[in-house]
Protein backbone atom coordinates (compact mmCIF):
# COMPACT_ATOMS: atom_id res chain seq x y z
CA MET A 1 -3.27 75.63 33.27
CA PRO A 2 -2.11 73.74 29.70
CA ARG A 3 -0.77 75.92 26.71
CA VAL A 4 -2.71 75.85 23.62
CA PHE A 5 -0.45 75.54 20.87
CA LEU A 6 -0.90 76.50 17.41
CA ILE A 7 1.66 74.86 14.15
CA THR A 8 1.65 75.27 10.75
CA GLY A 9 3.17 72.75 9.06
CA THR A 10 2.85 69.41 10.93
CA SER A 11 2.67 66.40 8.64
CA THR A 12 6.75 66.23 8.42
CA GLY A 13 9.68 66.89 10.45
CA PHE A 14 9.64 70.05 12.96
CA GLY A 15 6.22 70.26 12.98
CA GLN A 16 5.17 66.55 13.31
CA HIS A 17 7.56 66.16 15.86
CA LEU A 18 6.80 69.18 18.10
CA VAL A 19 3.11 68.33 18.27
CA GLN A 20 4.55 65.54 19.92
CA ALA A 21 6.52 67.48 22.16
CA VAL A 22 3.58 69.74 22.94
CA LEU A 23 0.95 66.22 24.00
CA ASP A 24 3.67 64.52 25.68
CA ALA A 25 4.21 67.80 28.13
CA GLY A 26 0.23 67.91 28.71
CA ASP A 27 -0.34 71.19 26.68
CA ILE A 28 -2.79 71.12 23.95
CA ALA A 29 -1.50 71.39 20.48
CA ILE A 30 -3.66 72.47 17.52
CA ALA A 31 -1.98 70.68 14.35
CA THR A 32 -2.36 72.82 11.10
CA ALA A 33 -1.67 71.02 7.03
CA ARG A 34 -2.81 71.34 3.83
CA LYS A 35 -4.36 67.38 4.53
CA PRO A 36 -5.43 67.45 8.28
CA GLU A 37 -7.12 64.25 7.28
CA THR A 38 -3.77 62.30 7.46
CA LEU A 39 -1.96 63.33 10.91
CA SER A 40 -2.01 61.21 13.51
CA PHE A 41 -0.23 61.56 17.04
CA LYS A 42 -0.11 59.56 19.89
CA GLY A 43 -1.91 60.13 23.12
CA ALA A 44 -4.23 62.56 20.92
CA ASN A 45 -7.92 63.34 21.75
CA SER A 46 -10.84 66.31 21.64
CA GLY A 47 -10.04 67.19 25.10
CA ASN A 48 -6.09 68.65 23.77
CA TYR A 49 -6.07 68.32 19.88
CA LEU A 50 -7.36 69.86 17.03
CA ALA A 51 -6.33 69.38 13.28
CA THR A 52 -7.32 71.63 10.78
CA LYS A 53 -6.85 72.22 7.02
CA LEU A 54 -4.22 75.40 6.63
CA ASP A 55 -2.74 76.48 3.56
CA VAL A 56 -0.67 79.23 4.83
CA THR A 57 -1.02 81.57 0.96
CA LYS A 58 -4.85 81.19 2.05
CA GLN A 59 -6.40 83.87 4.60
CA GLU A 60 -9.95 82.08 4.96
CA ASP A 61 -7.64 78.89 6.22
CA ILE A 62 -5.45 81.11 8.36
CA ASN A 63 -8.87 82.94 9.93
CA SER A 64 -10.80 79.28 10.03
CA ALA A 65 -7.95 77.72 11.66
CA PHE A 66 -7.85 80.51 14.62
CA GLN A 67 -11.51 80.59 14.91
CA LYS A 68 -11.62 77.00 15.43
CA ALA A 69 -8.91 76.84 18.05
CA LEU A 70 -10.96 79.78 20.04
CA ALA A 71 -14.07 77.73 19.63
CA GLN A 72 -12.77 74.06 21.21
CA PHE A 73 -9.57 76.08 23.44
CA GLY A 74 -10.61 79.59 24.17
CA ARG A 75 -7.41 80.70 23.19
CA VAL A 76 -3.77 80.45 21.59
CA ASP A 77 -0.91 80.77 23.68
CA VAL A 78 1.45 80.06 21.16
CA VAL A 79 1.59 80.33 17.41
CA VAL A 80 4.68 78.33 15.74
CA ASN A 81 5.34 79.20 11.61
CA ASN A 82 7.14 76.22 10.05
CA ALA A 83 5.20 75.67 7.28
CA GLY A 84 7.29 76.14 4.58
CA TYR A 85 9.84 74.74 1.42
CA GLY A 86 13.23 74.73 0.19
CA LEU A 87 13.89 76.06 -3.17
CA SER A 88 17.05 75.13 -4.66
CA GLY A 89 19.41 75.87 -7.95
CA PRO A 90 21.58 78.59 -9.17
CA PHE A 91 19.53 81.61 -9.44
CA GLU A 92 20.02 82.04 -13.02
CA GLU A 93 18.04 78.71 -13.18
CA LEU A 94 14.95 79.87 -11.00
CA ASP A 95 12.04 81.32 -12.97
CA GLU A 96 9.43 83.73 -12.14
CA PRO A 97 6.53 81.17 -10.56
CA HIS A 98 8.91 79.70 -8.56
CA ILE A 99 10.73 82.26 -7.32
CA ARG A 100 7.48 84.05 -5.80
CA MET A 101 5.51 80.99 -4.95
CA GLN A 102 8.75 80.24 -2.38
CA MET A 103 8.30 84.11 -1.11
CA GLU A 104 4.84 83.39 -1.01
CA VAL A 105 4.60 80.02 1.20
CA ASN A 106 7.67 81.36 3.48
CA PHE A 107 7.43 85.21 3.64
CA PHE A 108 3.78 86.23 3.21
CA GLY A 109 2.09 83.02 4.34
CA LEU A 110 4.28 83.17 7.60
CA MET A 111 3.37 86.70 7.42
CA ALA A 112 -0.39 86.97 7.36
CA VAL A 113 -0.44 83.63 9.54
CA THR A 114 1.85 86.23 12.53
CA LYS A 115 -0.95 89.06 11.64
CA LYS A 116 -3.89 86.81 12.36
CA ALA A 117 -1.48 85.78 15.77
CA MET A 118 -0.95 89.38 16.75
CA GLU A 119 -4.59 90.64 17.18
CA VAL A 120 -5.95 87.40 18.46
CA MET A 121 -2.97 87.08 21.66
CA ARG A 122 -3.95 91.14 22.25
CA GLU A 123 -7.78 90.95 22.15
CA GLN A 124 -7.44 87.74 24.20
CA LYS A 125 -7.98 87.53 27.95
CA PRO A 126 -5.90 87.95 29.64
CA SER A 127 -3.59 89.19 26.73
CA GLY A 128 -0.22 87.53 24.95
CA GLY A 129 0.99 84.67 23.88
CA VAL A 130 4.49 83.63 22.14
CA ILE A 131 4.87 83.80 18.58
CA GLN A 132 7.87 81.93 17.22
CA GLN A 133 9.17 81.62 13.53
CA ILE A 134 11.06 78.38 12.48
CA THR A 135 13.75 80.55 10.05
CA SER A 136 17.22 78.44 9.11
CA ILE A 137 20.70 79.44 9.63
CA GLY A 138 19.94 80.43 5.97
CA GLY A 139 18.53 83.65 7.74
CA GLN A 140 21.62 84.45 8.34
CA ARG A 141 24.11 83.40 5.73
CA GLY A 142 24.16 83.06 2.31
CA VAL A 143 24.24 79.41 0.53
CA PRO A 144 25.35 78.58 -3.03
CA SER A 145 21.46 77.18 -4.41
CA PHE A 146 20.01 78.62 -2.14
CA SER A 147 19.55 82.37 -2.59
CA ILE A 148 16.04 82.82 -3.07
CA TYR A 149 15.31 80.42 0.02
CA ASN A 150 17.95 82.61 2.14
CA ALA A 151 15.99 85.37 0.56
CA SER A 152 12.54 84.35 2.47
CA LYS A 153 14.30 83.78 5.54
CA TRP A 154 16.32 87.05 5.63
CA ALA A 155 12.87 88.55 5.10
CA VAL A 156 10.90 86.98 8.02
CA GLU A 157 14.03 87.71 9.96
CA GLY A 158 14.10 91.83 9.74
CA TYR A 159 10.23 91.74 9.64
CA THR A 160 10.51 90.12 12.62
CA GLU A 161 12.67 92.11 14.55
CA ALA A 162 10.72 95.10 13.67
CA ILE A 163 7.34 94.26 14.59
CA SER A 164 8.98 92.85 17.89
CA LEU A 165 9.40 96.72 18.62
CA GLU A 166 6.37 97.79 17.37
CA VAL A 167 4.10 95.78 19.83
CA LYS A 168 3.29 97.37 23.48
CA PRO A 169 4.75 95.60 26.16
CA GLU A 170 1.32 95.47 28.03
CA TRP A 171 -0.03 93.20 25.27
CA GLY A 172 3.02 90.47 26.42
CA ILE A 173 3.32 89.23 23.28
CA LYS A 174 7.21 87.64 22.67
CA PHE A 175 8.58 86.31 19.35
CA THR A 176 11.36 84.10 18.82
CA CYS A 177 13.23 83.52 15.17
CA VAL A 178 14.36 80.02 15.76
CA GLU A 179 17.14 79.41 13.17
CA PRO A 180 18.08 75.00 12.89
CA GLY A 181 21.80 73.62 11.02
CA GLY A 182 20.97 70.57 9.19
CA PHE A 183 18.62 68.36 10.64
CA ARG A 184 17.65 64.80 9.33
CA THR A 185 13.82 65.58 8.25
CA ASP A 186 12.41 65.78 4.31
CA TRP A 187 13.68 69.58 4.46
CA SER A 188 16.24 68.42 1.32
CA GLY A 189 14.08 65.33 -0.01
CA ARG A 190 10.60 65.41 -1.31
CA SER A 191 10.45 68.53 0.75
CA MET A 192 12.79 70.40 -1.77
CA ALA A 193 11.80 71.62 -4.75
CA PHE A 194 14.35 72.83 -8.01
CA ALA A 195 14.53 74.62 -10.62
CA GLU A 196 13.08 73.14 -14.01
CA LYS A 197 15.99 73.78 -16.28
CA ARG A 198 19.55 73.47 -16.28
CA HIS A 199 21.58 76.72 -17.16
CA PRO A 200 24.53 75.91 -19.13
CA ALA A 201 27.13 78.02 -17.40
CA TYR A 202 26.37 76.78 -14.22
CA ASP A 203 28.18 73.03 -14.94
CA HIS A 204 29.69 73.58 -11.40
CA ILE A 205 26.28 73.49 -9.33
CA ASN A 206 24.27 70.74 -9.29
CA ALA A 207 21.70 71.73 -6.89
CA ARG A 208 20.06 68.02 -7.22
CA GLU A 209 23.32 66.07 -6.11
CA ARG A 210 23.88 68.74 -3.83
CA ALA A 211 20.37 68.07 -1.22
CA SER A 212 21.09 64.40 -1.84
CA GLY A 213 24.12 64.08 -0.68
CA ARG A 214 22.80 65.74 2.64
CA HIS A 215 19.82 64.56 2.92
CA MET A 216 19.67 61.79 6.22
CA SER A 217 23.59 63.08 6.63
CA GLN A 218 23.07 66.09 9.01
CA VAL A 219 24.12 66.27 12.63
CA GLY A 220 20.71 67.65 13.84
CA ASP A 221 18.06 64.84 14.94
CA PRO A 222 14.41 66.82 14.48
CA VAL A 223 12.97 65.19 17.59
CA LYS A 224 15.58 67.21 19.51
CA GLY A 225 14.93 70.05 17.33
CA ALA A 226 10.87 70.04 18.22
CA ARG A 227 11.78 69.71 22.27
CA ALA A 228 14.50 72.50 21.80
CA MET A 229 11.49 74.63 19.93
CA TYR A 230 9.04 73.67 22.74
CA GLU A 231 11.22 74.86 25.78
CA LEU A 232 12.00 78.00 23.77
CA ALA A 233 8.24 79.09 23.63
CA THR A 234 7.61 78.00 26.85
CA MET A 235 10.44 80.54 28.26
CA PRO A 236 8.83 83.91 30.44
CA ASP A 237 11.45 85.95 28.04
CA PRO A 238 12.06 84.13 25.05
CA PRO A 239 15.24 85.17 22.71
CA LEU A 240 14.25 86.92 19.64
CA ARG A 241 16.96 85.48 17.97
CA VAL A 242 18.49 81.61 18.83
CA VAL A 243 19.98 79.10 16.88
CA ILE A 244 20.04 75.03 17.32
CA GLY A 245 22.59 72.56 15.94
CA SER A 246 25.54 72.38 16.55
CA ASP A 247 26.88 73.59 13.09
CA ALA A 248 24.77 76.50 12.93
CA HIS A 249 26.12 77.16 16.71
CA GLN A 250 29.74 77.51 15.07
CA ILE A 251 28.83 80.48 12.89
CA LYS A 252 30.82 83.62 13.69
CA THR A 253 30.78 85.41 10.26
CA TYR A 254 29.28 88.39 11.92
CA GLU A 255 31.15 89.15 15.23
CA GLU A 256 34.72 88.48 12.80
CA ASN A 257 34.39 90.80 10.57
CA TYR A 258 32.29 93.55 13.42
CA THR A 259 36.34 93.10 14.90
CA LYS A 260 38.26 92.78 11.91
CA TYR A 261 36.68 96.36 10.30
CA GLU A 262 35.95 97.99 13.44
CA LYS A 263 38.32 100.91 12.25
CA LEU A 264 36.58 101.38 9.11
CA ALA A 265 33.35 101.53 10.79
CA LYS A 266 33.65 103.59 12.96
CA SER A 267 35.95 106.73 10.60
CA THR A 268 32.61 107.61 9.36
CA ASP A 269 31.26 109.32 11.81
CA VAL A 270 30.59 113.37 11.91
CA ASN A 271 33.18 115.06 13.73
CA ALA A 272 32.89 116.46 16.87
């Protein structure tokens, strides 16, 4: 039986390529976007594809998307929380509306979609499914000029690990945080938001120049990244966390620190 995928943020980047990978594999794709009328995929038809509006900050959109998916295909096997964007600039340059919107989309929106997905997967017969969170290597390490983006991704990581331990095994709901490194998508281009005003104290950091310098020079191929996401989603026992991209795979800071400070860490226990 073909799997039914519901994917957020499919107008560009990973989401767009993942929809195509799902269709190419013979599975079913519900592609969601704020403007679904702009979506187009090779091989899509009414038997394997549905495009529907979904702004992750609007609960009515979330409910409607799942209702339409169930009405047309009967179940949802995989939900991929891909919708999101980057906010760049030194922390003191960022105003509160920008900060709150970053968290609203990248964390609270993802959380709302996840909650609905868990309800659907728990109640459908047979129960179960995979919820895949597209986080970032920025959910494992801090990057200058991405403090709030990092915060949003760290929040997703901690939240997802916690709820993965709350579900009953018999529900069959699996979770994976996919942590991409740098990929050649629109993320550092037109999908990036910046502080509106520069702060004179931070003349050593130009977020726009940094983003422009990296744009489309990253090592990661988004088509291959989407295929890796599909492979992870179809594993019988997917990992809770996994990095994709050779640049992300090289980061070993935590492992080094655990070894370096092992004696100090263990010195704090109560004496036997």
